[in-house]
Amino acid sequence: RSSIERERSEVNWSRERSGMEKYEPVREIGSGNFGVAKLMRNRETRELVAMKFIERGYRVRTPSI
C-alpha cells in the first residue's frame, strides 16, 4: 500500500472511533470548581480511563465603543 492509502485508512479509522461515544461512564470520582472527573470505560477495549468534564460557562461580551 502506498503512504497515501495508509494515511487515508488511518484517518478513517480515527474518525470512526473518535468522540465520546466510544466511552461509557462508570462512576463519578471527583468534582471541583471547574467541573467533574469521571471514570470511563472504552466500549471496545474495556480499558478504564479518567476524564475531566469542564463546564464551559458563559461568554462575556464587552460593549463596543
PDB file of N, CA and C in Angstrom:
ATOM      1  N   ARG A   1       0.832  -1.193   0.000  1.00  0.00           N
ATOM      2  CA  ARG A   1       0.000   0.000   0.000  1.00  0.00           C
ATOM      3  C   ARG A   1       0.864   1.239   0.000  1.00  0.00           C
ATOM      4  N   SER A   2       0.382   2.240  -0.692  1.00  0.00           N
ATOM      5  CA  SER A   2       1.135   3.490  -0.731  1.00  0.00           C
ATOM      6  C   SER A   2       0.940   4.242   0.577  1.00  0.00           C
ATOM      7  N   SER A   3       1.801   5.216   0.804  1.00  0.00           N
ATOM      8  CA  SER A   3       1.695   6.007   2.033  1.00  0.00           C
ATOM      9  C   SER A   3       0.391   6.798   2.068  1.00  0.00           C
ATOM     10  N   ILE A   4      -0.115   7.195   0.912  1.00  0.00           N
ATOM     11  CA  ILE A   4      -1.390   7.933   0.862  1.00  0.00           C
ATOM     12  C   ILE A   4      -2.538   7.021   1.281  1.00  0.00           C
ATOM     13  N   GLU A   5      -2.525   5.778   0.799  1.00  0.00           N
ATOM     14  CA  GLU A   5      -3.582   4.829   1.189  1.00  0.00           C
ATOM     15  C   GLU A   5      -3.537   4.543   2.686  1.00  0.00           C
ATOM     16  N   ARG A   6      -2.325   4.364   3.228  1.00  0.00           N
ATOM     17  CA  ARG A   6      -2.189   4.126   4.662  1.00  0.00           C
ATOM     18  C   ARG A   6      -2.704   5.323   5.454  1.00  0.00           C
ATOM     19  N   GLU A   7      -2.340   6.523   5.013  1.00  0.00           N
ATOM     20  CA  GLU A   7      -2.771   7.733   5.700  1.00  0.00           C
ATOM     21  C   GLU A   7      -4.294   7.870   5.669  1.00  0.00           C
ATOM     22  N   ARG A   8      -4.909   7.598   4.527  1.00  0.00           N
ATOM     23  CA  ARG A   8      -6.369   7.668   4.420  1.00  0.00           C
ATOM     24  C   ARG A   8      -7.040   6.670   5.350  1.00  0.00           C
ATOM     25  N   SER A   9      -6.522   5.447   5.397  1.00  0.00           N
ATOM     26  CA  SER A   9      -7.149   4.438   6.255  1.00  0.00           C
ATOM     27  C   SER A   9      -6.991   4.801   7.725  1.00  0.00           C
ATOM     28  N   GLU A  10      -5.846   5.383   8.109  1.00  0.00           N
ATOM     29  CA  GLU A  10      -5.651   5.816   9.488  1.00  0.00           C
ATOM     30  C   GLU A  10      -6.605   6.946   9.848  1.00  0.00           C
ATOM     31  N   VAL A  11      -6.805   7.884   8.929  1.00  0.00           N
ATOM     32  CA  VAL A  11      -7.732   8.984   9.171  1.00  0.00           C
ATOM     33  C   VAL A  11      -9.145   8.450   9.319  1.00  0.00           C
ATOM     34  N   ASN A  12      -9.555   7.544   8.425  1.00  0.00           N
ATOM     35  CA  ASN A  12     -10.889   6.962   8.518  1.00  0.00           C
ATOM     36  C   ASN A  12     -11.065   6.178   9.805  1.00  0.00           C
ATOM     37  N   TRP A  13     -10.067   5.432  10.225  1.00  0.00           N
ATOM     38  CA  TRP A  13     -10.153   4.654  11.458  1.00  0.00           C
ATOM     39  C   TRP A  13     -10.316   5.580  12.640  1.00  0.00           C
ATOM     40  N   SER A  14      -9.528   6.642  12.710  1.00  0.00           N
ATOM     41  CA  SER A  14      -9.615   7.542  13.855  1.00  0.00           C
ATOM     42  C   SER A  14     -10.918   8.325  13.839  1.00  0.00           C
ATOM     43  N   ARG A  15     -11.425   8.666  12.667  1.00  0.00           N
ATOM     44  CA  ARG A  15     -12.688   9.396  12.576  1.00  0.00           C
ATOM     45  C   ARG A  15     -13.840   8.517  13.061  1.00  0.00           C
ATOM     46  N   GLU A  16     -13.803   7.229  12.719  1.00  0.00           N
ATOM     47  CA  GLU A  16     -14.869   6.315  13.126  1.00  0.00           C
ATOM     48  C   GLU A  16     -14.877   6.107  14.634  1.00  0.00           C
ATOM     49  N   ARG A  17     -13.723   6.096  15.238  1.00  0.00           N
ATOM     50  CA  ARG A  17     -13.626   5.741  16.647  1.00  0.00           C
ATOM     51  C   ARG A  17     -13.310   6.933  17.549  1.00  0.00           C
ATOM     52  N   SER A  18     -13.464   8.133  17.051  1.00  0.00           N
ATOM     53  CA  SER A  18     -13.186   9.286  17.884  1.00  0.00           C
ATOM     54  C   SER A  18     -14.467   9.766  18.530  1.00  0.00           C
ATOM     55  N   GLY A  19     -14.338  10.576  19.541  1.00  0.00           N
ATOM     56  CA  GLY A  19     -15.509  11.136  20.197  1.00  0.00           C
ATOM     57  C   GLY A  19     -15.876  10.382  21.458  1.00  0.00           C
ATOM     58  N   MET A  20     -16.811  10.959  22.155  1.00  0.00           N
ATOM     59  CA  MET A  20     -17.213  10.411  23.444  1.00  0.00           C
ATOM     60  C   MET A  20     -18.064   9.150  23.327  1.00  0.00           C
ATOM     61  N   GLU A  21     -18.632   8.891  22.150  1.00  0.00           N
ATOM     62  CA  GLU A  21     -19.500   7.724  22.029  1.00  0.00           C
ATOM     63  C   GLU A  21     -18.766   6.402  22.219  1.00  0.00           C
ATOM     64  N   LYS A  22     -17.445   6.417  22.165  1.00  0.00           N
ATOM     65  CA  LYS A  22     -16.725   5.164  22.368  1.00  0.00           C
ATOM     66  C   LYS A  22     -16.474   4.871  23.847  1.00  0.00           C
ATOM     67  N   TYR A  23     -16.913   5.761  24.735  1.00  0.00           N
ATOM     68  CA  TYR A  23     -16.753   5.564  26.178  1.00  0.00           C
ATOM     69  C   TYR A  23     -18.103   5.492  26.871  1.00  0.00           C
ATOM     70  N   GLU A  24     -18.148   4.702  27.949  1.00  0.00           N
ATOM     71  CA  GLU A  24     -19.340   4.655  28.785  1.00  0.00           C
ATOM     72  C   GLU A  24     -18.947   5.052  30.205  1.00  0.00           C
ATOM     73  N   PRO A  25     -19.800   5.828  30.878  1.00  0.00           N
ATOM     74  CA  PRO A  25     -19.468   6.251  32.239  1.00  0.00           C
ATOM     75  C   PRO A  25     -19.569   5.084  33.214  1.00  0.00           C
ATOM     76  N   VAL A  26     -18.621   5.037  34.166  1.00  0.00           N
ATOM     77  CA  VAL A  26     -18.639   4.015  35.210  1.00  0.00           C
ATOM     78  C   VAL A  26     -19.126   4.654  36.508  1.00  0.00           C
ATOM     79  N   ARG A  27     -18.443   5.735  36.914  1.00  0.00           N
ATOM     80  CA  ARG A  27     -18.866   6.463  38.106  1.00  0.00           C
ATOM     81  C   ARG A  27     -18.145   7.804  38.180  1.00  0.00           C
ATOM     82  N   GLU A  28     -18.698   8.693  38.991  1.00  0.00           N
ATOM     83  CA  GLU A  28     -18.064   9.987  39.232  1.00  0.00           C
ATOM     84  C   GLU A  28     -16.988   9.774  40.286  1.00  0.00           C
ATOM     85  N   ILE A  29     -15.787  10.323  40.042  1.00  0.00           N
ATOM     86  CA  ILE A  29     -14.702  10.101  41.003  1.00  0.00           C
ATOM     87  C   ILE A  29     -14.251  11.380  41.695  1.00  0.00           C
ATOM     88  N   GLY A  30     -14.803  12.518  41.309  1.00  0.00           N
ATOM     89  CA  GLY A  30     -14.448  13.759  41.986  1.00  0.00           C
ATOM     90  C   GLY A  30     -15.091  14.955  41.328  1.00  0.00           C
ATOM     91  N   SER A  31     -15.105  16.060  42.061  1.00  0.00           N
ATOM     92  CA  SER A  31     -15.637  17.297  41.495  1.00  0.00           C
ATOM     93  C   SER A  31     -14.908  18.473  42.119  1.00  0.00           C
ATOM     94  N   GLY A  32     -14.944  19.579  41.402  1.00  0.00           N
ATOM     95  CA  GLY A  32     -14.269  20.780  41.865  1.00  0.00           C
ATOM     96  C   GLY A  32     -14.958  22.011  41.334  1.00  0.00           C
ATOM     97  N   ASN A  33     -14.256  23.132  41.407  1.00  0.00           N
ATOM     98  CA  ASN A  33     -14.837  24.405  40.972  1.00  0.00           C
ATOM     99  C   ASN A  33     -15.106  24.462  39.477  1.00  0.00           C
ATOM    100  N   PHE A  34     -14.345  23.743  38.680  1.00  0.00           N
ATOM    101  CA  PHE A  34     -14.443  23.870  37.227  1.00  0.00           C
ATOM    102  C   PHE A  34     -15.170  22.726  36.546  1.00  0.00           C
ATOM    103  N   GLY A  35     -15.397  21.624  37.231  1.00  0.00           N
ATOM    104  CA  GLY A  35     -16.053  20.510  36.572  1.00  0.00           C
ATOM    105  C   GLY A  35     -16.034  19.244  37.398  1.00  0.00           C
ATOM    106  N   VAL A  36     -16.184  18.115  36.707  1.00  0.00           N
ATOM    107  CA  VAL A  36     -16.321  16.808  37.342  1.00  0.00           C
ATOM    108  C   VAL A  36     -15.335  15.834  36.702  1.00  0.00           C
ATOM    109  N   ALA A  37     -14.741  14.969  37.506  1.00  0.00           N
ATOM    110  CA  ALA A  37     -13.899  13.888  36.994  1.00  0.00           C
ATOM    111  C   ALA A  37     -14.709  12.603  37.041  1.00  0.00           C
ATOM    112  N   LYS A  38     -14.691  11.857  35.926  1.00  0.00           N
ATOM    113  CA  LYS A  38     -15.461  10.618  35.850  1.00  0.00           C
ATOM    114  C   LYS A  38     -14.569   9.473  35.418  1.00  0.00           C
ATOM    115  N   LEU A  39     -14.859   8.295  35.950  1.00  0.00           N
ATOM    116  CA  LEU A  39     -14.216   7.071  35.498  1.00  0.00           C
ATOM    117  C   LEU A  39     -15.020   6.577  34.307  1.00  0.00           C
ATOM    118  N   MET A  40     -14.339   6.379  33.168  1.00  0.00           N
ATOM    119  CA  MET A  40     -14.997   5.972  31.931  1.00  0.00           C
ATOM    120  C   MET A  40     -14.373   4.678  31.424  1.00  0.00           C
ATOM    121  N   ARG A  41     -15.163   3.888  30.685  1.00  0.00           N
ATOM    122  CA  ARG A  41     -14.679   2.626  30.124  1.00  0.00           C
ATOM    123  C   ARG A  41     -14.805   2.668  28.608  1.00  0.00           C
ATOM    124  N   ASN A  42     -13.713   2.313  27.923  1.00  0.00           N
ATOM    125  CA  ASN A  42     -13.732   2.207  26.470  1.00  0.00           C
ATOM    126  C   ASN A  42     -14.609   1.019  26.100  1.00  0.00           C
ATOM    127  N   ARG A  43     -15.601   1.240  25.244  1.00  0.00           N
ATOM    128  CA  ARG A  43     -16.562   0.190  24.884  1.00  0.00           C
ATOM    129  C   ARG A  43     -15.908  -0.964  24.118  1.00  0.00           C
ATOM    130  N   GLU A  44     -14.845  -0.679  23.368  1.00  0.00           N
ATOM    131  CA  GLU A  44     -14.191  -1.718  22.571  1.00  0.00           C
ATOM    132  C   GLU A  44     -13.149  -2.489  23.359  1.00  0.00           C
ATOM    133  N   THR A  45     -12.267  -1.762  24.062  1.00  0.00           N
ATOM    134  CA  THR A  45     -11.140  -2.406  24.735  1.00  0.00           C
ATOM    135  C   THR A  45     -11.391  -2.681  26.207  1.00  0.00           C
ATOM    136  N   ARG A  46     -12.455  -2.088  26.764  1.00  0.00           N
ATOM    137  CA  ARG A  46     -12.803  -2.211  28.188  1.00  0.00           C
ATOM    138  C   ARG A  46     -11.783  -1.523  29.088  1.00  0.00           C
ATOM    139  N   GLU A  47     -10.867  -0.750  28.522  1.00  0.00           N
ATOM    140  CA  GLU A  47      -9.862  -0.018  29.289  1.00  0.00           C
ATOM    141  C   GLU A  47     -10.539   1.078  30.107  1.00  0.00           C
ATOM    142  N   LEU A  48     -10.118   1.239  31.364  1.00  0.00           N
ATOM    143  CA  LEU A  48     -10.647   2.290  32.219  1.00  0.00           C
ATOM    144  C   LEU A  48      -9.767   3.525  32.130  1.00  0.00           C
ATOM    145  N   VAL A  49     -10.393   4.677  32.012  1.00  0.00           N
ATOM    146  CA  VAL A  49      -9.673   5.951  31.956  1.00  0.00           C
ATOM    147  C   VAL A  49     -10.416   6.962  32.812  1.00  0.00           C
ATOM    148  N   ALA A  50      -9.695   7.981  33.265  1.00  0.00           N
ATOM    149  CA  ALA A  50     -10.318   9.089  33.988  1.00  0.00           C
ATOM    150  C   ALA A  50     -10.421  10.269  33.034  1.00  0.00           C
ATOM    151  N   MET A  51     -11.570  10.936  33.032  1.00  0.00           N
ATOM    152  CA  MET A  51     -11.785  12.105  32.177  1.00  0.00           C
ATOM    153  C   MET A  51     -12.316  13.247  33.006  1.00  0.00           C
ATOM    154  N   LYS A  52     -11.853  14.442  32.658  1.00  0.00           N
ATOM    155  CA  LYS A  52     -12.374  15.647  33.291  1.00  0.00           C
ATOM    156  C   LYS A  52     -13.407  16.281  32.370  1.00  0.00           C
ATOM    157  N   PHE A  53     -14.558  16.609  32.917  1.00  0.00           N
ATOM    158  CA  PHE A  53     -15.609  17.303  32.195  1.00  0.00           C
ATOM    159  C   PHE A  53     -15.654  18.719  32.748  1.00  0.00           C
ATOM    160  N   ILE A  54     -15.204  19.655  31.940  1.00  0.00           N
ATOM    161  CA  ILE A  54     -15.087  21.042  32.388  1.00  0.00           C
ATOM    162  C   ILE A  54     -16.267  21.842  31.865  1.00  0.00           C
ATOM    163  N   GLU A  55     -16.933  22.528  32.771  1.00  0.00           N
ATOM    164  CA  GLU A  55     -18.053  23.363  32.377  1.00  0.00           C
ATOM    165  C   GLU A  55     -17.536  24.554  31.593  1.00  0.00           C
ATOM    166  N   ARG A  56     -18.195  24.867  30.493  1.00  0.00           N
ATOM    167  CA  ARG A  56     -17.736  25.938  29.613  1.00  0.00           C
ATOM    168  C   ARG A  56     -18.098  27.314  30.134  1.00  0.00           C
ATOM    169  N   GLY A  57     -19.190  27.458  30.822  1.00  0.00           N
ATOM    170  CA  GLY A  57     -19.585  28.765  31.334  1.00  0.00           C
ATOM    171  C   GLY A  57     -20.198  29.627  30.247  1.00  0.00           C
ATOM    172  N   TYR A  58     -20.361  30.875  30.550  1.00  0.00           N
ATOM    173  CA  TYR A  58     -20.992  31.807  29.628  1.00  0.00           C
ATOM    174  C   TYR A  58     -19.952  32.731  29.010  1.00  0.00           C
ATOM    175  N   ARG A  59     -20.201  33.147  27.790  1.00  0.00           N
ATOM    176  CA  ARG A  59     -19.313  34.070  27.105  1.00  0.00           C
ATOM    177  C   ARG A  59     -19.640  35.482  27.601  1.00  0.00           C
ATOM    178  N   VAL A  60     -18.613  36.191  27.981  1.00  0.00           N
ATOM    179  CA  VAL A  60     -18.791  37.562  28.449  1.00  0.00           C
ATOM    180  C   VAL A  60     -18.465  38.498  27.293  1.00  0.00           C
ATOM    181  N   ARG A  61     -19.419  39.342  26.961  1.00  0.00           N
ATOM    182  CA  ARG A  61     -19.211  40.293  25.859  1.00  0.00           C
ATOM    183  C   ARG A  61     -19.047  41.681  26.431  1.00  0.00           C
ATOM    184  N   THR A  62     -18.085  42.390  25.882  1.00  0.00           N
ATOM    185  CA  THR A  62     -17.903  43.787  26.310  1.00  0.00           C
ATOM    186  C   THR A  62     -18.585  44.690  25.296  1.00  0.00           C
ATOM    187  N   PRO A  63     -19.179  45.776  25.755  1.00  0.00           N
ATOM    188  CA  PRO A  63     -19.855  46.673  24.810  1.00  0.00           C
ATOM    189  C   PRO A  63     -18.866  47.316  23.848  1.00  0.00           C
ATOM    190  N   SER A  64     -19.301  47.490  22.620  1.00  0.00           N
ATOM    191  CA  SER A  64     -18.461  48.160  21.611  1.00  0.00           C
ATOM    192  C   SER A  64     -18.416  49.641  21.906  1.00  0.00           C
ATOM    193  N   ILE A  65     -17.249  50.206  21.690  1.00  0.00           N
ATOM    194  CA  ILE A  65     -17.092  51.652  21.941  1.00  0.00           C
ATOM    195  C   ILE A  65     -17.090  52.400  20.619  1.00  0.00           C
TER     196      ILE A  65
END
